[in-house]
Amino acid sequence: GSAGAPAESAILYAPGATSLCPKSHPFPFRQDDGEFARHCCTVQVRCQGHQECCGGEQVPVPVTYVYEPPREELRCEDFSWWHLLKGKKGPLWQLMKADATPRSKADSDAMKAMGYGEGRITWAGEDGDLQDADTAKARLYVGSRWLVSGSQQMQGAKAFMGLAPHQRFLEIGCGALNAGQFFMDFFNPGSYVCVEPNDVLHRKSAAANASITKIIDQKKPEFITRDDFDPRPKMGDGYRFDRAWSHSVLSHAADWQLMQYFEVVAATINPDGGLAMASLRFSDVNGVSMEASHDHSWIYPSVSYFDFGEARCLARRAGLHLEAVPEARLFHTQTCPNEFHDWVRMRLLKNGF
């Protein structure tokens, strides 16, 4: 449901979504220097300056969520990992993982002491319990609404990254091909690549669906079974993607895996206009900022939370510019309200910007 109208003093990443304007006021107004629609108007014309709705009637844009960041964001240099990585060259995630390993072992020992069994130390996501999974279990494991979420992801990628059939496309974590079936069908043969640690998910899902099997036969995708997000061991170090996408992957990741993801994206997207988008968690279902969980291991099916400012610093250290795309959350939750992930968009830094 709606989180209500935001307070004027709140710093908002998502004032509203233009597609939510009521039929009585169908035209969204955007300030000349503003990024988001503020009001829905009865008139379509646009005025100079900040005169909203040009004299027509107006109503506030409905708000799906309000994400209010911390009042004071730390500088990148204030994070402990920044000093750990100072002067170091990549892969930086390996240094962060080594630093997290003793903490991950302590977490495992604590779970064992409480009678929960021994946890997996710096687990990266490959799940041996899935080896005997059938189609139903494979799709249930992923959790997203079958077909509905996949179709909406496809439309979201078109809306917020721009897609063309000739582009090379990387999906990190294609799971049971909920979205992958739509991506594969859209792109030219040989253009779609997926990196997924649990290949049983897409194998079982495709085997049970004649349509997906036909798409795979026609589009000749590449499926790479790895738990480090990295397509390069199979595609080659010089292979570049025009677009990259992942949904509900980083929302279960450790801090060192977030850096790992950023480094892979930085190394594999096209420096000439390449873009990547990913969902993760900065806030709860109501858009309230959550404290960063700083997990030491992959924690699926639990959820990890990150601080937006820290994620932006991690991306910068990996050579990426990262920006929040709250419109994508608003778009996705229209059809999948339980998938209230936050979204970010990435591109390579050029000259430090």
Protein backbone atom coordinates (compact mmCIF):
# COMPACT_ATOMS: atom_id res chain seq x y z
CA GLY A 1 0.00 0.00 0.00
CA SER A 2 0.93 3.66 -0.06
CA ALA A 3 3.32 5.02 2.51
CA GLY A 4 1.43 8.32 2.48
CA ALA A 5 2.59 11.76 1.46
CA PRO A 6 6.22 12.43 2.39
CA ALA A 7 7.24 15.16 4.79
CA GLU A 8 8.65 18.19 2.99
CA SER A 9 11.87 17.97 4.99
CA ALA A 10 12.55 14.36 4.01
CA ILE A 11 15.28 13.68 1.49
CA LEU A 12 13.57 11.44 -1.00
CA TYR A 13 14.94 9.11 -3.62
CA ALA A 14 11.40 8.30 -4.72
CA PRO A 15 8.71 10.99 -4.53
CA GLY A 16 6.44 9.01 -6.81
CA ALA A 17 5.78 7.13 -9.99
CA THR A 18 4.25 8.76 -13.05
CA SER A 19 2.38 5.62 -14.03
CA LEU A 20 0.36 5.88 -10.80
CA CYS A 21 -1.36 9.15 -11.76
CA PRO A 22 -5.16 8.77 -11.51
CA LYS A 23 -7.29 9.01 -14.64
CA SER A 24 -8.77 12.29 -13.40
CA HIS A 25 -5.26 13.85 -13.31
CA PRO A 26 -3.32 11.81 -15.88
CA PHE A 27 -0.41 14.14 -16.62
CA PRO A 28 2.70 14.07 -14.39
CA PHE A 29 4.43 17.36 -13.67
CA ARG A 30 8.22 17.46 -13.36
CA GLN A 31 10.13 20.48 -12.19
CA ASP A 32 12.54 21.83 -14.77
CA ASP A 33 15.50 20.75 -12.64
CA GLY A 34 13.75 17.82 -10.98
CA GLU A 35 14.17 14.14 -11.69
CA PHE A 36 10.83 12.90 -10.40
CA ALA A 37 7.18 13.79 -10.88
CA ARG A 38 5.76 15.70 -7.92
CA HIS A 39 2.12 16.12 -8.89
CA CYS A 40 -0.44 14.73 -11.29
CA CYS A 41 -2.19 17.40 -13.38
CA THR A 42 -5.35 17.90 -15.41
CA VAL A 43 -3.43 19.75 -18.13
CA GLN A 44 -0.65 18.48 -20.33
CA VAL A 45 1.03 21.78 -21.17
CA ARG A 46 4.25 22.71 -19.45
CA CYS A 47 4.99 26.14 -18.01
CA GLN A 48 8.22 28.00 -17.46
CA GLY A 49 9.78 27.92 -14.00
CA HIS A 50 8.16 25.98 -11.20
CA GLN A 51 4.47 26.76 -11.68
CA GLU A 52 3.02 23.35 -11.13
CA CYS A 53 0.29 22.16 -13.48
CA CYS A 54 0.21 25.54 -15.25
CA GLY A 55 -2.95 26.70 -13.50
CA GLY A 56 -4.74 23.37 -13.85
CA GLU A 57 -5.87 21.21 -10.96
CA GLN A 58 -3.35 18.97 -9.24
CA VAL A 59 -3.10 16.10 -6.79
CA PRO A 60 0.07 14.67 -5.21
CA VAL A 61 1.68 11.73 -6.95
CA PRO A 62 0.91 8.60 -4.93
CA VAL A 63 3.97 7.34 -3.09
CA THR A 64 4.74 3.63 -3.03
CA TYR A 65 7.58 4.09 -0.60
CA VAL A 66 9.76 6.74 0.94
CA TYR A 67 13.45 6.02 1.43
CA GLU A 68 15.04 8.54 3.74
CA PRO A 69 18.82 8.09 3.84
CA PRO A 70 20.93 8.73 6.94
CA ARG A 71 21.20 12.39 7.86
CA GLU A 72 24.95 12.25 7.62
CA GLU A 73 26.58 9.92 5.14
CA LEU A 74 30.10 8.80 5.96
CA ARG A 75 32.97 9.57 3.63
CA CYS A 76 34.39 6.59 1.77
CA GLU A 77 37.58 6.96 3.79
CA ASP A 78 35.60 6.45 7.01
CA PHE A 79 34.83 2.79 6.25
CA SER A 80 37.26 0.23 7.67
CA TRP A 81 37.48 -1.72 4.41
CA TRP A 82 38.67 1.41 2.60
CA HIS A 83 41.90 1.32 4.62
CA LEU A 84 42.16 -2.46 4.17
CA LEU A 85 42.16 -1.92 0.42
CA LYS A 86 44.24 1.26 0.33
CA GLY A 87 46.95 1.02 -2.30
CA LYS A 88 45.91 -2.51 -3.25
CA LYS A 89 45.06 -3.77 -6.72
CA GLY A 90 42.28 -6.21 -7.56
CA PRO A 91 40.78 -8.62 -7.03
CA LEU A 92 39.88 -6.53 -3.98
CA TRP A 93 37.08 -8.89 -2.95
CA GLN A 94 39.65 -11.55 -2.08
CA LEU A 95 41.15 -9.27 0.58
CA MET A 96 37.70 -8.55 1.97
CA LYS A 97 36.79 -12.24 1.99
CA ALA A 98 40.00 -13.13 3.83
CA ASP A 99 39.18 -10.44 6.38
CA ALA A 100 35.63 -11.82 6.75
CA THR A 101 36.62 -15.48 7.11
CA PRO A 102 37.42 -15.43 10.87
CA ARG A 103 34.13 -13.63 11.51
CA SER A 104 32.25 -16.12 9.37
CA LYS A 105 33.82 -18.97 11.35
CA ALA A 106 32.81 -17.27 14.60
CA ASP A 107 29.23 -17.01 13.28
CA SER A 108 29.31 -20.72 12.43
CA ASP A 109 30.65 -21.67 15.87
CA ALA A 110 27.97 -19.56 17.56
CA MET A 111 25.20 -21.27 15.56
CA LYS A 112 26.60 -24.66 16.45
CA ALA A 113 26.78 -23.74 20.13
CA MET A 114 23.09 -22.75 20.06
CA GLY A 115 22.14 -26.11 18.55
CA TYR A 116 21.43 -24.95 15.00
CA GLY A 117 24.16 -27.02 13.39
CA GLU A 118 27.38 -25.83 11.87
CA GLY A 119 27.07 -22.98 9.38
CA ARG A 120 28.93 -22.71 6.08
CA ILE A 121 31.98 -20.45 6.28
CA THR A 122 32.02 -17.65 3.69
CA TRP A 123 29.44 -19.57 1.68
CA ALA A 124 29.14 -18.20 -1.87
CA GLY A 125 25.74 -19.61 -2.91
CA GLU A 126 26.20 -23.05 -4.49
CA ASP A 127 23.59 -25.19 -2.73
CA GLY A 128 24.20 -28.95 -2.64
CA ASP A 129 20.68 -29.52 -1.30
CA LEU A 130 19.31 -28.71 -4.77
CA GLN A 131 20.94 -31.57 -6.64
CA ASP A 132 17.81 -33.73 -6.49
CA ALA A 133 15.38 -30.84 -7.03
CA ASP A 134 12.43 -31.26 -9.38
CA THR A 135 10.91 -28.43 -11.43
CA ALA A 136 8.56 -27.29 -8.67
CA LYS A 137 11.34 -27.15 -6.10
CA ALA A 138 13.65 -25.33 -8.53
CA ARG A 139 11.11 -22.58 -9.15
CA LEU A 140 10.04 -22.38 -5.52
CA TYR A 141 13.68 -22.00 -4.45
CA VAL A 142 13.98 -18.74 -6.39
CA GLY A 143 10.82 -17.34 -4.83
CA SER A 144 9.87 -14.64 -7.36
CA ARG A 145 6.38 -14.79 -8.89
CA TRP A 146 6.65 -17.07 -11.89
CA LEU A 147 6.16 -15.27 -15.22
CA VAL A 148 4.78 -12.13 -13.55
CA SER A 149 8.10 -11.08 -12.03
CA GLY A 150 10.02 -12.26 -15.08
CA SER A 151 7.92 -10.22 -17.49
CA GLN A 152 8.09 -7.15 -15.26
CA GLN A 153 11.88 -7.45 -15.03
CA MET A 154 12.07 -7.51 -18.81
CA GLN A 155 9.92 -4.39 -19.07
CA GLY A 156 11.90 -2.72 -16.29
CA ALA A 157 15.20 -3.39 -18.03
CA LYS A 158 13.80 -1.84 -21.20
CA ALA A 159 12.51 1.18 -19.32
CA PHE A 160 15.54 1.95 -17.15
CA MET A 161 18.50 0.74 -19.21
CA GLY A 162 17.26 0.66 -22.78
CA LEU A 163 17.59 -2.64 -24.63
CA ALA A 164 18.22 -3.53 -28.26
CA PRO A 165 18.27 -7.06 -29.75
CA HIS A 166 21.87 -6.77 -30.98
CA GLN A 167 23.29 -6.02 -27.52
CA ARG A 168 25.33 -8.50 -25.52
CA PHE A 169 23.44 -9.21 -22.31
CA LEU A 170 24.64 -10.70 -19.02
CA GLU A 171 22.25 -11.94 -16.35
CA ILE A 172 23.96 -12.69 -13.07
CA GLY A 173 21.81 -15.22 -11.23
CA CYS A 174 19.24 -16.36 -13.79
CA GLY A 175 17.86 -19.02 -11.43
CA ALA A 176 14.96 -20.92 -13.00
CA LEU A 177 14.80 -18.50 -15.98
CA ASN A 178 11.85 -16.52 -14.67
CA ALA A 179 13.21 -13.41 -16.40
CA GLY A 180 15.77 -15.25 -18.52
CA GLN A 181 13.12 -16.72 -20.83
CA PHE A 182 12.04 -13.19 -21.76
CA PHE A 183 15.58 -11.86 -22.11
CA MET A 184 16.68 -14.77 -24.29
CA ASP A 185 13.67 -14.39 -26.56
CA PHE A 186 14.36 -10.67 -27.02
CA PHE A 187 18.05 -10.73 -27.89
CA ASN A 188 19.75 -12.04 -31.01
CA PRO A 189 21.14 -15.60 -30.97
CA GLY A 190 24.34 -15.89 -28.94
CA SER A 191 23.78 -12.58 -27.13
CA TYR A 192 22.49 -13.85 -23.76
CA VAL A 193 24.87 -15.13 -21.08
CA CYS A 194 23.91 -16.27 -17.59
CA VAL A 195 26.16 -16.93 -14.61
CA GLU A 196 24.38 -19.09 -12.05
CA PRO A 197 25.91 -21.24 -9.27
CA ASN A 198 23.02 -23.70 -9.19
CA ASP A 199 22.61 -24.93 -12.76
CA VAL A 200 19.93 -27.41 -11.69
CA LEU A 201 17.53 -24.46 -11.42
CA HIS A 202 17.56 -23.52 -15.09
CA ARG A 203 18.02 -27.10 -16.31
CA LYS A 204 14.93 -28.41 -14.50
CA SER A 205 12.84 -25.36 -15.36
CA ALA A 206 13.70 -25.53 -19.07
CA ALA A 207 13.20 -29.30 -19.30
CA ALA A 208 9.64 -28.94 -18.04
CA ASN A 209 8.69 -26.10 -20.38
CA ALA A 210 8.55 -26.63 -24.14
CA SER A 211 8.53 -22.89 -24.79
CA ILE A 212 11.74 -22.29 -22.84
CA THR A 213 13.39 -25.31 -24.49
CA LYS A 214 12.51 -23.90 -27.91
CA ILE A 215 13.91 -20.47 -27.02
CA ILE A 216 17.17 -22.04 -25.83
CA ASP A 217 17.45 -24.04 -29.05
CA GLN A 218 16.87 -20.94 -31.16
CA LYS A 219 18.82 -18.33 -29.22
CA LYS A 220 21.89 -20.37 -28.26
CA PRO A 221 22.49 -18.82 -24.80
CA GLU A 222 25.57 -19.47 -22.68
CA PHE A 223 25.04 -20.85 -19.17
CA ILE A 224 28.06 -20.59 -16.89
CA THR A 225 28.00 -22.47 -13.58
CA ARG A 226 30.01 -20.38 -11.12
CA ASP A 227 29.43 -18.86 -7.68
CA ASP A 228 31.63 -15.78 -8.22
CA PHE A 229 29.38 -13.92 -10.73
CA ASP A 230 32.20 -14.04 -13.28
CA PRO A 231 31.65 -14.97 -16.96
CA ARG A 232 35.26 -14.37 -17.99
CA PRO A 233 36.64 -17.91 -17.44
CA LYS A 234 34.34 -19.10 -20.24
CA MET A 235 33.76 -15.97 -22.34
CA GLY A 236 37.32 -14.64 -22.22
CA ASP A 237 38.87 -11.58 -20.57
CA GLY A 238 38.16 -9.32 -23.54
CA TYR A 239 34.45 -10.11 -23.87
CA ARG A 240 32.27 -7.10 -23.02
CA PHE A 241 28.55 -6.80 -22.34
CA ASP A 242 26.36 -3.87 -23.30
CA ARG A 243 23.88 -4.55 -20.51
CA ALA A 244 23.99 -6.57 -17.28
CA TRP A 245 21.12 -7.43 -14.91
CA SER A 246 20.47 -9.22 -11.65
CA HIS A 247 17.43 -9.42 -9.42
CA SER A 248 17.28 -10.75 -5.85
CA VAL A 249 20.93 -11.79 -5.85
CA LEU A 250 22.76 -9.06 -3.95
CA SER A 251 19.91 -9.01 -1.43
CA HIS A 252 21.50 -12.17 0.03
CA ALA A 253 25.16 -11.26 -0.39
CA ALA A 254 28.02 -10.65 2.01
CA ASP A 255 29.95 -7.38 1.88
CA TRP A 256 32.86 -9.08 0.12
CA GLN A 257 30.46 -10.48 -2.47
CA LEU A 258 29.10 -7.02 -3.20
CA MET A 259 32.66 -5.93 -3.98
CA GLN A 260 33.12 -9.10 -6.03
CA TYR A 261 30.00 -8.26 -8.01
CA PHE A 262 31.14 -4.68 -8.62
CA GLU A 263 34.57 -5.83 -9.78
CA VAL A 264 33.06 -8.33 -12.22
CA VAL A 265 30.69 -5.70 -13.62
CA ALA A 266 33.52 -3.18 -13.97
CA ALA A 267 35.64 -5.74 -15.83
CA THR A 268 32.92 -6.97 -18.18
CA ILE A 269 30.63 -4.10 -19.23
CA ASN A 270 31.33 -2.14 -22.38
CA PRO A 271 33.23 1.08 -21.57
CA ASP A 272 31.33 2.75 -24.41
CA GLY A 273 27.82 3.07 -23.01
CA GLY A 274 27.61 -0.17 -21.05
CA LEU A 275 25.08 -0.23 -18.19
CA ALA A 276 24.21 -2.64 -15.39
CA MET A 277 21.28 -2.79 -12.99
CA ALA A 278 20.81 -4.82 -9.84
CA SER A 279 18.34 -5.09 -7.00
CA LEU A 280 19.43 -5.17 -3.38
CA ARG A 281 18.13 -3.95 -0.04
CA PHE A 282 18.69 -0.55 1.54
CA SER A 283 15.23 -0.26 3.10
CA ASP A 284 12.31 -2.28 4.42
CA VAL A 285 8.85 -2.83 2.92
CA ASN A 286 7.86 0.74 3.85
CA GLY A 287 11.03 2.26 2.44
CA VAL A 288 12.56 2.96 5.84
CA SER A 289 16.35 2.80 5.79
CA MET A 290 17.69 -0.35 7.42
CA GLU A 291 20.97 -0.69 9.26
CA ALA A 292 23.59 -2.43 7.14
CA SER A 293 23.78 -6.11 8.15
CA HIS A 294 27.47 -6.57 7.15
CA ASP A 295 27.10 -10.28 6.52
CA HIS A 296 30.22 -12.40 6.19
CA SER A 297 28.68 -15.08 3.98
CA TRP A 298 25.92 -15.66 1.45
CA ILE A 299 22.81 -15.90 3.63
CA TYR A 300 20.03 -17.19 1.36
CA PRO A 301 17.12 -17.45 2.07
CA SER A 302 17.71 -14.72 4.64
CA VAL A 303 18.14 -11.10 3.52
CA SER A 304 21.18 -8.85 3.73
CA TYR A 305 20.96 -5.06 3.95
CA PHE A 306 23.41 -2.44 2.75
CA ASP A 307 23.92 1.26 3.34
CA PHE A 308 23.48 3.19 0.09
CA GLY A 309 26.43 5.50 0.76
CA GLU A 310 28.70 2.57 1.55
CA ALA A 311 27.55 0.64 -1.53
CA ARG A 312 28.32 3.69 -3.63
CA CYS A 313 31.82 3.84 -2.12
CA LEU A 314 32.41 0.14 -2.78
CA ALA A 315 31.34 0.64 -6.39
CA ARG A 316 33.60 3.66 -6.73
CA ARG A 317 36.57 1.66 -5.41
CA ALA A 318 35.85 -0.95 -8.08
CA GLY A 319 35.70 1.71 -10.78
CA LEU A 320 31.93 2.15 -11.10
CA HIS A 321 29.53 5.05 -10.78
CA LEU A 322 26.47 3.85 -8.88
CA GLU A 323 23.11 5.63 -8.65
CA ALA A 324 19.82 4.75 -7.00
CA VAL A 325 16.91 4.06 -9.35
CA PRO A 326 13.84 4.21 -7.10
CA GLU A 327 11.56 4.41 -10.13
CA ALA A 328 12.50 0.79 -10.82
CA ARG A 329 11.25 -0.28 -7.38
CA LEU A 330 8.04 1.65 -7.91
CA PHE A 331 7.65 0.03 -11.33
CA HIS A 332 8.36 -3.51 -10.13
CA THR A 333 6.15 -3.40 -7.05
CA GLN A 334 3.11 -2.47 -9.14
CA THR A 335 2.85 -6.13 -10.16
CA CYS A 336 5.07 -7.79 -7.53
CA PRO A 337 4.48 -5.92 -4.25
CA ASN A 338 6.38 -8.51 -2.21
CA GLU A 339 9.54 -7.92 -4.25
CA PHE A 340 10.23 -4.54 -2.69
CA HIS A 341 13.93 -4.46 -3.51
CA ASP A 342 15.77 -1.22 -4.05
CA TRP A 343 17.50 -0.84 -7.42
CA VAL A 344 20.80 0.66 -8.56
CA ARG A 345 22.27 1.40 -11.96
CA MET A 346 25.99 1.24 -12.74
CA ARG A 347 28.37 2.46 -15.41
CA LEU A 348 32.14 2.68 -15.61
CA LEU A 349 33.77 5.72 -14.05
CA LYS A 350 35.49 8.01 -16.53
CA ASN A 351 38.15 10.36 -15.24
CA GLY A 352 36.91 9.77 -11.70
CA PHE A 353 33.28 10.63 -12.49
